[in-house]
C-alpha atoms as a PDB file:
ATOM      1  CA  UNK A   1     101.804 172.225  54.429  1.00  0.00           C
ATOM      2  CA  UNK A   2      99.597 170.182  56.545  1.00  0.00           C
ATOM      3  CA  UNK A   3      97.311 167.632  54.968  1.00  0.00           C
ATOM      4  CA  UNK A   4      93.625 168.509  55.351  1.00  0.00           C
ATOM      5  CA  UNK A   5      91.558 166.291  57.840  1.00  0.00           C
ATOM      6  CA  UNK A   6      88.439 166.808  55.673  1.00  0.00           C
ATOM      7  CA  UNK A   7      89.561 166.431  52.052  1.00  0.00           C
ATOM      8  CA  UNK A   8      86.828 167.341  49.817  1.00  0.00           C
ATOM      9  CA  UNK A   9      85.007 169.853  51.910  1.00  0.00           C
ATOM     10  CA  UNK A  10      85.670 172.877  49.538  1.00  0.00           C
ATOM     11  CA  UNK A  11      84.595 170.778  46.410  1.00  0.00           C
ATOM     12  CA  UNK A  12      81.240 169.866  48.401  1.00  0.00           C
ATOM     13  CA  UNK A  13      80.803 173.624  49.275  1.00  0.00           C
ATOM     14  CA  UNK A  14      81.278 174.851  45.858  1.00  0.00           C
ATOM     15  CA  UNK A  15      79.874 172.016  43.653  1.00  0.00           C
ATOM     16  CA  UNK A  16      77.898 169.779  45.929  1.00  0.00           C
ATOM     17  CA  UNK A  17      77.612 166.330  47.249  1.00  0.00           C
ATOM     18  CA  UNK A  18      77.575 164.512  43.826  1.00  0.00           C
ATOM     19  CA  UNK A  19      80.502 166.387  42.591  1.00  0.00           C
ATOM     20  CA  UNK A  20      82.689 165.717  45.815  1.00  0.00           C
ATOM     21  CA  UNK A  21      81.784 162.024  45.743  1.00  0.00           C
ATOM     22  CA  UNK A  22      80.774 160.847  42.195  1.00  0.00           C
ATOM     23  CA  UNK A  23      83.671 158.419  41.662  1.00  0.00           C
ATOM     24  CA  UNK A  24      83.534 157.128  45.231  1.00  0.00           C
ATOM     25  CA  UNK A  25      79.758 156.358  44.772  1.00  0.00           C
ATOM     26  CA  UNK A  26      80.331 154.764  41.507  1.00  0.00           C
ATOM     27  CA  UNK A  27      83.142 152.461  43.155  1.00  0.00           C
ATOM     28  CA  UNK A  28      80.824 151.392  45.956  1.00  0.00           C
ATOM     29  CA  UNK A  29      78.030 150.520  43.589  1.00  0.00           C
ATOM     30  CA  UNK A  30      80.653 148.412  41.302  1.00  0.00           C
ATOM     31  CA  UNK A  31      82.087 146.691  44.222  1.00  0.00           C
ATOM     32  CA  UNK A  32      78.467 145.948  45.548  1.00  0.00           C
ATOM     33  CA  UNK A  33      77.751 144.753  41.899  1.00  0.00           C
ATOM     34  CA  UNK A  34      80.467 142.151  41.568  1.00  0.00           C
ATOM     35  CA  UNK A  35      79.808 140.455  44.842  1.00  0.00           C
ATOM     36  CA  UNK A  36      75.966 140.379  43.951  1.00  0.00           C
ATOM     37  CA  UNK A  37      76.813 138.613  40.830  1.00  0.00           C
ATOM     38  CA  UNK A  38      77.996 135.638  43.133  1.00  0.00           C
ATOM     39  CA  UNK A  39      75.355 135.751  45.579  1.00  0.00           C
ATOM     40  CA  UNK A  40      72.322 135.407  43.430  1.00  0.00           C
ATOM     41  CA  UNK A  41      72.909 131.728  42.886  1.00  0.00           C
ATOM     42  CA  UNK A  42      73.383 130.599  46.434  1.00  0.00           C
ATOM     43  CA  UNK A  43      70.689 133.037  48.004  1.00  0.00           C
ATOM     44  CA  UNK A  44      68.082 133.088  45.119  1.00  0.00           C
ATOM     45  CA  UNK A  45      68.864 130.367  42.750  1.00  0.00           C
ATOM     46  CA  UNK A  46      69.591 132.716  39.845  1.00  0.00           C
ATOM     47  CA  UNK A  47      73.129 131.521  38.689  1.00  0.00           C
ATOM     48  CA  UNK A  48      74.732 134.605  36.999  1.00  0.00           C
ATOM     49  CA  UNK A  49      78.326 133.930  38.040  1.00  0.00           C
ATOM     50  CA  UNK A  50      79.643 130.730  39.591  1.00  0.00           C
ATOM     51  CA  UNK A  51      82.778 130.746  41.529  1.00  0.00           C
ATOM     52  CA  UNK A  52      84.509 133.877  43.087  1.00  0.00           C
ATOM     53  CA  UNK A  53      86.855 136.718  42.135  1.00  0.00           C
ATOM     54  CA  UNK A  54      89.607 134.124  41.634  1.00  0.00           C
ATOM     55  CA  UNK A  55      87.985 132.177  38.962  1.00  0.00           C
ATOM     56  CA  UNK A  56      84.329 132.344  37.606  1.00  0.00           C
ATOM     57  CA  UNK A  57      81.966 131.204  34.939  1.00  0.00           C
ATOM     58  CA  UNK A  58      79.473 133.966  34.079  1.00  0.00           C
ATOM     59  CA  UNK A  59      76.243 133.530  32.373  1.00  0.00           C
ATOM     60  CA  UNK A  60      77.374 129.815  31.187  1.00  0.00           C
ATOM     61  CA  UNK A  61      79.698 131.265  28.482  1.00  0.00           C
ATOM     62  CA  UNK A  62      82.283 133.843  29.919  1.00  0.00           C
ATOM     63  CA  UNK A  63      85.319 132.493  31.774  1.00  0.00           C
ATOM     64  CA  UNK A  64      87.246 134.680  33.959  1.00  0.00           C
ATOM     65  CA  UNK A  65      90.466 133.831  35.785  1.00  0.00           C
ATOM     66  CA  UNK A  66      92.804 135.986  37.835  1.00  0.00           C
ATOM     67  CA  UNK A  67      95.925 135.834  35.996  1.00  0.00           C
ATOM     68  CA  UNK A  68      97.829 135.808  39.317  1.00  0.00           C
ATOM     69  CA  UNK A  69      95.950 132.373  40.106  1.00  0.00           C
ATOM     70  CA  UNK A  70      97.053 131.046  36.559  1.00  0.00           C
ATOM     71  CA  UNK A  71     100.717 131.857  37.315  1.00  0.00           C
ATOM     72  CA  UNK A  72     100.489 130.316  40.671  1.00  0.00           C
ATOM     73  CA  UNK A  73      98.896 127.098  39.195  1.00  0.00           C
ATOM     74  CA  UNK A  74     101.648 126.781  36.643  1.00  0.00           C
ATOM     75  CA  UNK A  75     104.387 127.158  39.104  1.00  0.00           C
ATOM     76  CA  UNK A  76     102.632 124.628  41.284  1.00  0.00           C
ATOM     77  CA  UNK A  77     102.995 122.182  38.367  1.00  0.00           C
ATOM     78  CA  UNK A  78      99.281 122.249  37.431  1.00  0.00           C
ATOM     79  CA  UNK A  79      98.676 122.655  33.800  1.00  0.00           C
ATOM     80  CA  UNK A  80      95.298 124.793  33.469  1.00  0.00           C
ATOM     81  CA  UNK A  81      92.511 123.852  31.124  1.00  0.00           C
ATOM     82  CA  UNK A  82      92.078 126.024  28.101  1.00  0.00           C
ATOM     83  CA  UNK A  83      89.035 127.707  29.496  1.00  0.00           C
ATOM     84  CA  UNK A  84      91.178 128.941  32.466  1.00  0.00           C
ATOM     85  CA  UNK A  85      93.819 130.247  30.099  1.00  0.00           C
ATOM     86  CA  UNK A  86      91.219 132.103  28.116  1.00  0.00           C
ATOM     87  CA  UNK A  87      89.701 133.651  31.034  1.00  0.00           C
ATOM     88  CA  UNK A  88      93.038 135.004  32.369  1.00  0.00           C
ATOM     89  CA  UNK A  89      93.706 136.510  28.792  1.00  0.00           C
ATOM     90  CA  UNK A  90      90.225 138.226  29.204  1.00  0.00           C
ATOM     91  CA  UNK A  91      91.093 139.740  32.596  1.00  0.00           C
ATOM     92  CA  UNK A  92      94.718 140.586  31.600  1.00  0.00           C
ATOM     93  CA  UNK A  93      93.527 142.546  28.481  1.00  0.00           C
ATOM     94  CA  UNK A  94      90.717 144.272  30.311  1.00  0.00           C
ATOM     95  CA  UNK A  95      93.033 145.598  32.983  1.00  0.00           C
ATOM     96  CA  UNK A  96      95.642 146.509  30.431  1.00  0.00           C
ATOM     97  CA  UNK A  97      92.930 148.969  29.112  1.00  0.00           C
ATOM     98  CA  UNK A  98      91.599 150.357  32.452  1.00  0.00           C
ATOM     99  CA  UNK A  99      94.587 149.923  34.726  1.00  0.00           C
ATOM    100  CA  UNK A 100      95.929 147.072  36.696  1.00  0.00           C
ATOM    101  CA  UNK A 101      95.033 148.557  40.198  1.00  0.00           C
ATOM    102  CA  UNK A 102      91.625 149.370  38.945  1.00  0.00           C
ATOM    103  CA  UNK A 103      91.107 145.941  40.393  1.00  0.00           C
ATOM    104  CA  UNK A 104      91.906 147.260  43.900  1.00  0.00           C
ATOM    105  CA  UNK A 105      89.539 150.394  43.628  1.00  0.00           C
ATOM    106  CA  UNK A 106      86.712 148.964  41.637  1.00  0.00           C
ATOM    107  CA  UNK A 107      86.372 145.301  42.385  1.00  0.00           C
ATOM    108  CA  UNK A 108      88.247 144.144  45.407  1.00  0.00           C
ATOM    109  CA  UNK A 109      85.971 143.854  48.542  1.00  0.00           C
ATOM    110  CA  UNK A 110      88.798 144.668  50.930  1.00  0.00           C
ATOM    111  CA  UNK A 111      88.977 148.182  49.414  1.00  0.00           C
ATOM    112  CA  UNK A 112      85.890 149.546  51.335  1.00  0.00           C
ATOM    113  CA  UNK A 113      87.428 148.263  54.612  1.00  0.00           C
ATOM    114  CA  UNK A 114      90.675 149.899  54.077  1.00  0.00           C
ATOM    115  CA  UNK A 115      89.020 153.024  52.964  1.00  0.00           C
ATOM    116  CA  UNK A 116      86.976 153.163  56.084  1.00  0.00           C
ATOM    117  CA  UNK A 117      90.397 152.931  58.265  1.00  0.00           C
ATOM    118  CA  UNK A 118      91.754 155.711  56.268  1.00  0.00           C
ATOM    119  CA  UNK A 119      88.740 157.779  56.855  1.00  0.00           C
ATOM    120  CA  UNK A 120      88.767 157.070  60.589  1.00  0.00           C
ATOM    121  CA  UNK A 121      92.444 157.817  60.663  1.00  0.00           C
ATOM    122  CA  UNK A 122      91.701 161.396  59.390  1.00  0.00           C
ATOM    123  CA  UNK A 123      88.708 161.896  61.569  1.00  0.00           C
ATOM    124  CA  UNK A 124      90.702 160.831  64.674  1.00  0.00           C
ATOM    125  CA  UNK A 125      93.928 162.488  63.395  1.00  0.00           C
ATOM    126  CA  UNK A 126      95.856 159.365  64.017  1.00  0.00           C
ATOM    127  CA  UNK A 127      99.570 159.859  63.145  1.00  0.00           C
ATOM    128  CA  UNK A 128     101.142 158.267  60.125  1.00  0.00           C
ATOM    129  CA  UNK A 129     102.666 155.547  62.146  1.00  0.00           C
ATOM    130  CA  UNK A 130     104.825 152.636  60.733  1.00  0.00           C
ATOM    131  CA  UNK A 131     105.816 153.434  57.070  1.00  0.00           C
ATOM    132  CA  UNK A 132     107.022 150.173  55.205  1.00  0.00           C
ATOM    133  CA  UNK A 133     108.603 150.599  52.013  1.00  0.00           C
ATOM    134  CA  UNK A 134     106.363 150.336  49.014  1.00  0.00           C
ATOM    135  CA  UNK A 135     108.345 147.755  47.240  1.00  0.00           C
ATOM    136  CA  UNK A 136     107.616 145.605  50.246  1.00  0.00           C
ATOM    137  CA  UNK A 137     104.552 144.096  48.467  1.00  0.00           C
ATOM    138  CA  UNK A 138     106.818 143.258  45.580  1.00  0.00           C
ATOM    139  CA  UNK A 139     109.001 141.116  47.896  1.00  0.00           C
ATOM    140  CA  UNK A 140     105.712 139.559  49.318  1.00  0.00           C
ATOM    141  CA  UNK A 141     104.590 138.702  45.918  1.00  0.00           C
ATOM    142  CA  UNK A 142     108.118 137.260  44.897  1.00  0.00           C
ATOM    143  CA  UNK A 143     107.897 135.337  48.223  1.00  0.00           C
ATOM    144  CA  UNK A 144     104.595 133.686  47.435  1.00  0.00           C
ATOM    145  CA  UNK A 145     105.439 132.866  43.955  1.00  0.00           C
ATOM    146  CA  UNK A 146     108.729 131.249  45.174  1.00  0.00           C
ATOM    147  CA  UNK A 147     107.037 129.452  47.945  1.00  0.00           C
ATOM    148  CA  UNK A 148     104.449 128.144  45.413  1.00  0.00           C
ATOM    149  CA  UNK A 149     107.086 126.839  43.148  1.00  0.00           C
ATOM    150  CA  UNK A 150     109.004 124.917  45.765  1.00  0.00           C
ATOM    151  CA  UNK A 151     105.802 123.671  47.819  1.00  0.00           C
ATOM    152  CA  UNK A 152     103.745 122.835  44.572  1.00  0.00           C
ATOM    153  CA  UNK A 153     100.759 124.478  46.540  1.00  0.00           C
ATOM    154  CA  UNK A 154      98.794 127.576  45.877  1.00  0.00           C
ATOM    155  CA  UNK A 155      99.978 129.124  49.203  1.00  0.00           C
ATOM    156  CA  UNK A 156      98.486 132.471  48.654  1.00  0.00           C
ATOM    157  CA  UNK A 157      94.877 130.961  48.184  1.00  0.00           C
ATOM    158  CA  UNK A 158      95.326 129.433  51.520  1.00  0.00           C
ATOM    159  CA  UNK A 159      95.373 132.780  53.236  1.00  0.00           C
ATOM    160  CA  UNK A 160      94.063 135.091  50.745  1.00  0.00           C
ATOM    161  CA  UNK A 161      91.777 137.764  52.583  1.00  0.00           C
ATOM    162  CA  UNK A 162      89.920 138.618  49.429  1.00  0.00           C
ATOM    163  CA  UNK A 163      88.668 135.085  48.977  1.00  0.00           C
ATOM    164  CA  UNK A 164      88.237 134.643  52.662  1.00  0.00           C
ATOM    165  CA  UNK A 165      85.921 137.643  52.881  1.00  0.00           C
ATOM    166  CA  UNK A 166      84.196 136.417  49.921  1.00  0.00           C
ATOM    167  CA  UNK A 167      83.488 133.104  51.565  1.00  0.00           C
ATOM    168  CA  UNK A 168      82.481 135.208  54.730  1.00  0.00           C
ATOM    169  CA  UNK A 169      79.873 137.143  52.743  1.00  0.00           C
ATOM    170  CA  UNK A 170      78.563 133.983  51.030  1.00  0.00           C
ATOM    171  CA  UNK A 171      78.640 131.558  53.929  1.00  0.00           C
ATOM    172  CA  UNK A 172      78.988 133.500  56.975  1.00  0.00           C
ATOM    173  CA  UNK A 173      82.560 131.974  57.790  1.00  0.00           C
ATOM    174  CA  UNK A 174      84.201 133.257  60.811  1.00  0.00           C
ATOM    175  CA  UNK A 175      87.847 133.125  59.441  1.00  0.00           C
ATOM    176  CA  UNK A 176      87.247 135.529  56.648  1.00  0.00           C
ATOM    177  CA  UNK A 177      85.539 138.044  58.601  1.00  0.00           C
ATOM    178  CA  UNK A 178      88.489 137.869  61.003  1.00  0.00           C
ATOM    179  CA  UNK A 179      91.081 138.323  58.286  1.00  0.00           C
ATOM    180  CA  UNK A 180      89.305 141.581  57.180  1.00  0.00           C
ATOM    181  CA  UNK A 181      89.153 142.842  60.850  1.00  0.00           C
ATOM    182  CA  UNK A 182      92.850 142.181  61.227  1.00  0.00           C
ATOM    183  CA  UNK A 183      93.549 144.332  57.995  1.00  0.00           C
ATOM    184  CA  UNK A 184      91.254 146.993  59.267  1.00  0.00           C
ATOM    185  CA  UNK A 185      92.930 147.320  62.386  1.00  0.00           C
ATOM    186  CA  UNK A 186      96.437 147.208  61.034  1.00  0.00           C
ATOM    187  CA  UNK A 187      95.578 150.150  58.723  1.00  0.00           C
ATOM    188  CA  UNK A 188      93.784 152.190  61.363  1.00  0.00           C
ATOM    189  CA  UNK A 189      96.298 151.762  64.166  1.00  0.00           C
ATOM    190  CA  UNK A 190      99.643 150.467  62.680  1.00  0.00           C
ATOM    191  CA  UNK A 191     100.284 151.740  59.149  1.00  0.00           C
ATOM    192  CA  UNK A 192      98.460 154.375  56.936  1.00  0.00           C
ATOM    193  CA  UNK A 193      97.107 152.482  53.800  1.00  0.00           C
ATOM    194  CA  UNK A 194      99.334 149.566  55.203  1.00  0.00           C
ATOM    195  CA  UNK A 195      97.774 146.565  53.565  1.00  0.00           C
ATOM    196  CA  UNK A 196      96.887 147.803  50.005  1.00  0.00           C
ATOM    197  CA  UNK A 197      99.767 150.406  49.794  1.00  0.00           C
ATOM    198  CA  UNK A 198     102.589 148.252  51.192  1.00  0.00           C
ATOM    199  CA  UNK A 199     101.937 144.471  51.602  1.00  0.00           C
ATOM    200  CA  UNK A 200      99.159 143.210  49.510  1.00  0.00           C
ATOM    201  CA  UNK A 201     100.580 140.993  46.669  1.00  0.00           C
ATOM    202  CA  UNK A 202      97.681 141.002  44.589  1.00  0.00           C
ATOM    203  CA  UNK A 203      97.928 144.865  44.391  1.00  0.00           C
ATOM    204  CA  UNK A 204     101.600 144.454  43.514  1.00  0.00           C
ATOM    205  CA  UNK A 205     100.950 142.012  40.830  1.00  0.00           C
ATOM    206  CA  UNK A 206      98.045 144.410  39.284  1.00  0.00           C
ATOM    207  CA  UNK A 207     100.430 147.297  39.565  1.00  0.00           C
ATOM    208  CA  UNK A 208     102.971 145.700  37.288  1.00  0.00           C
ATOM    209  CA  UNK A 209     100.210 144.527  34.904  1.00  0.00           C
ATOM    210  CA  UNK A 210      98.975 148.155  34.724  1.00  0.00           C
ATOM    211  CA  UNK A 211     102.345 149.792  34.189  1.00  0.00           C
ATOM    212  CA  UNK A 212     101.375 150.038  30.283  1.00  0.00           C
ATOM    213  CA  UNK A 213      97.730 150.513  30.627  1.00  0.00           C
ATOM    214  CA  UNK A 214      95.627 152.911  28.677  1.00  0.00           C
ATOM    215  CA  UNK A 215      93.470 154.632  30.924  1.00  0.00           C
ATOM    216  CA  UNK A 216      95.232 157.170  33.119  1.00  0.00           C
ATOM    217  CA  UNK A 217      94.418 160.243  35.512  1.00  0.00           C
ATOM    218  CA  UNK A 218      95.985 163.466  34.221  1.00  0.00           C
ATOM    219  CA  UNK A 219      96.615 166.855  36.119  1.00  0.00           C
ATOM    220  CA  UNK A 220      95.251 168.418  32.929  1.00  0.00           C
ATOM    221  CA  UNK A 221      94.643 171.732  34.531  1.00  0.00           C
ATOM    222  CA  UNK A 222      97.436 171.806  36.921  1.00  0.00           C
ATOM    223  CA  UNK A 223      97.738 175.581  36.616  1.00  0.00           C
ATOM    224  CA  UNK A 224      94.475 175.814  38.613  1.00  0.00           C
ATOM    225  CA  UNK A 225      96.044 174.041  41.651  1.00  0.00           C
ATOM    226  CA  UNK A 226      95.710 176.006  44.828  1.00  0.00           C
ATOM    227  CA  UNK A 227      98.031 173.730  46.787  1.00  0.00           C
ATOM    228  CA  UNK A 228      94.877 172.828  49.151  1.00  0.00           C
ATOM    229  CA  UNK A 229      96.609 169.307  49.488  1.00  0.00           C
ATOM    230  CA  UNK A 230      93.254 167.525  49.476  1.00  0.00           C
ATOM    231  CA  UNK A 231      94.265 165.127  46.552  1.00  0.00           C
ATOM    232  CA  UNK A 232      97.481 164.176  48.545  1.00  0.00           C
ATOM    233  CA  UNK A 233      95.277 163.692  51.816  1.00  0.00           C
ATOM    234  CA  UNK A 234      92.736 161.530  50.038  1.00  0.00           C
ATOM    235  CA  UNK A 235      94.926 159.251  47.707  1.00  0.00           C
ATOM    236  CA  UNK A 236      95.973 156.046  48.913  1.00  0.00           C
ATOM    237  CA  UNK A 237      99.084 156.365  46.597  1.00  0.00           C
ATOM    238  CA  UNK A 238      99.877 160.144  47.221  1.00  0.00           C
ATOM    239  CA  UNK A 239     103.608 159.576  45.824  1.00  0.00           C
ATOM    240  CA  UNK A 240     101.982 159.209  42.356  1.00  0.00           C
ATOM    241  CA  UNK A 241     100.596 162.599  42.165  1.00  0.00           C
ATOM    242  CA  UNK A 242     103.509 165.073  42.474  1.00  0.00           C
ATOM    243  CA  UNK A 243     105.229 164.231  39.136  1.00  0.00           C
ATOM    244  CA  UNK A 244     102.164 164.977  37.288  1.00  0.00           C
ATOM    245  CA  UNK A 245     100.818 167.927  39.383  1.00  0.00           C
ATOM    246  CA  UNK A 246     104.241 169.575  39.712  1.00  0.00           C
ATOM    247  CA  UNK A 247     105.495 168.602  36.485  1.00  0.00           C
ATOM    248  CA  UNK A 248     106.130 172.411  35.426  1.00  0.00           C
ATOM    249  CA  UNK A 249     108.967 172.346  37.862  1.00  0.00           C
ATOM    250  CA  UNK A 250     110.728 169.313  36.364  1.00  0.00           C
ATOM    251  CA  UNK A 251     109.467 169.225  32.742  1.00  0.00           C
ATOM    252  CA  UNK A 252     107.184 166.328  33.269  1.00  0.00           C
ATOM    253  CA  UNK A 253     103.906 165.826  31.642  1.00  0.00           C
ATOM    254  CA  UNK A 254     100.473 165.992  33.491  1.00  0.00           C
ATOM    255  CA  UNK A 255      99.756 162.342  33.146  1.00  0.00           C
ATOM    256  CA  UNK A 256     100.066 160.012  36.299  1.00  0.00           C
ATOM    257  CA  UNK A 257     101.955 157.073  34.667  1.00  0.00           C
ATOM    258  CA  UNK A 258     102.880 155.033  37.963  1.00  0.00           C
ATOM    259  CA  UNK A 259     101.372 151.540  38.031  1.00  0.00           C
ATOM    260  CA  UNK A 260     100.648 152.082  41.621  1.00  0.00           C
ATOM    261  CA  UNK A 261      97.827 154.627  40.625  1.00  0.00           C
ATOM    262  CA  UNK A 262      94.432 152.699  41.455  1.00  0.00           C
ATOM    263  CA  UNK A 263      92.377 154.942  39.130  1.00  0.00           C
ATOM    264  CA  UNK A 264      89.986 155.375  42.018  1.00  0.00           C
ATOM    265  CA  UNK A 265      89.024 158.824  40.865  1.00  0.00           C
ATOM    266  CA  UNK A 266      89.050 160.251  44.418  1.00  0.00           C
ATOM    267  CA  UNK A 267      91.469 163.146  43.357  1.00  0.00           C
ATOM    268  CA  UNK A 268      88.913 164.123  40.732  1.00  0.00           C
ATOM    269  CA  UNK A 269      86.042 164.209  43.551  1.00  0.00           C
ATOM    270  CA  UNK A 270      87.875 166.234  46.063  1.00  0.00           C
ATOM    271  CA  UNK A 271      89.575 168.687  43.726  1.00  0.00           C
ATOM    272  CA  UNK A 272      87.592 171.999  43.983  1.00  0.00           C
ATOM    273  CA  UNK A 273      89.579 173.395  40.910  1.00  0.00           C
ATOM    274  CA  UNK A 274      88.727 170.521  38.677  1.00  0.00           C
ATOM    275  CA  UNK A 275      92.533 169.942  38.021  1.00  0.00           C
ATOM    276  CA  UNK A 276      92.466 166.135  37.289  1.00  0.00           C
ATOM    277  CA  UNK A 277      90.580 164.260  34.534  1.00  0.00           C
ATOM    278  CA  UNK A 278      90.447 160.517  33.269  1.00  0.00           C
ATOM    279  CA  UNK A 279      91.982 160.398  29.698  1.00  0.00           C
ATOM    280  CA  UNK A 280      94.453 158.009  27.944  1.00  0.00           C
ATOM    281  CA  UNK A 281      98.117 157.490  28.347  1.00  0.00           C
ATOM    282  CA  UNK A 282      98.838 159.294  24.960  1.00  0.00           C
ATOM    283  CA  UNK A 283      97.224 162.594  25.982  1.00  0.00           C
ATOM    284  CA  UNK A 284      99.966 165.092  27.063  1.00  0.00           C
ATOM    285  CA  UNK A 285      97.573 168.219  26.635  1.00  0.00           C
ATOM    286  CA  UNK A 286      97.536 170.802  29.273  1.00  0.00           C
ATOM    287  CA  UNK A 287      94.310 172.627  29.591  1.00  0.00           C
ATOM    288  CA  UNK A 288      95.595 175.687  31.296  1.00  0.00           C
ATOM    289  CA  UNK A 289      93.856 177.925  33.721  1.00  0.00           C
ATOM    290  CA  UNK A 290      90.337 177.727  32.182  1.00  0.00           C
ATOM    291  CA  UNK A 291      87.595 175.434  33.729  1.00  0.00           C
ATOM    292  CA  UNK A 292      86.072 172.815  31.400  1.00  0.00           C
ATOM    293  CA  UNK A 293      82.623 173.848  30.317  1.00  0.00           C
ATOM    294  CA  UNK A 294      80.885 171.370  32.386  1.00  0.00           C
ATOM    295  CA  UNK A 295      82.676 172.521  35.648  1.00  0.00           C
ATOM    296  CA  UNK A 296      82.168 175.972  34.866  1.00  0.00           C
ATOM    297  CA  UNK A 297      78.555 175.481  34.747  1.00  0.00           C
ATOM    298  CA  UNK A 298      78.663 173.628  38.046  1.00  0.00           C
ATOM    299  CA  UNK A 299      80.264 176.583  39.585  1.00  0.00           C
ATOM    300  CA  UNK A 300      77.690 178.860  38.326  1.00  0.00           C
ATOM    301  CA  UNK A 301      74.927 176.747  39.566  1.00  0.00           C
ATOM    302  CA  UNK A 302      76.816 176.058  42.877  1.00  0.00           C
ATOM    303  CA  UNK A 303      76.627 172.396  42.514  1.00  0.00           C
END
């Protein structure tokens, strides 16, 4: 069955704009919020968070450190301060709860750029193009860690487009903007979901971290699926959906357990039948064919 060029159209028609975009809107607000935390100091003199997404000090008491940065520092031969170790532990515990790649969907400032490229690909009906192996990002991650170990330098941080974009937003630097533009063009014309889905070592790391995370998406009402394919069309990691959605054929449960899932919630947005739901990794319940009460009310109200 052909993928929809307008996933979520039926959800919009049946349930309204908010239902069809609620998690997308929440993600954009969250991404703006995290960037705004770092802008209040340089722009307005109100220092809420100092630093960047790699390492920050928030409200003068909360340290946050990207655990990948900590690992690179250790490999480069730099013993971190205790505050950096505490910050990395806080971040690690948080993503073990909500899913490692929730960072990619809810925090990373590159995500709106790659989402825009994916939207334009659908609108322009650009063919899939180059499809590198998804484990390529794991090899990229391994290469960066090995290079860091050999060189004694945080190699990735010299080219990291996330921190480059942060500097571009904060200081108007040209290089960060160009790196983001290159990713946008790569995703638009070369490889569908190419950067985040196949190359980004940060996403690869957080995917490994999130393998055992608590928060999960579940195809709890998969009996209601009408094979519209909207969830597959909108998902940046569509390979994670089939085992949960088609599990009655293979005997697998409704939970999406892959660490590749970014917990973006877009499958919940675009599914007019309300098949998906956020839950925890121990919830193997199937709801059957009945709509939840809130969705049923939405259907009756027409949005």
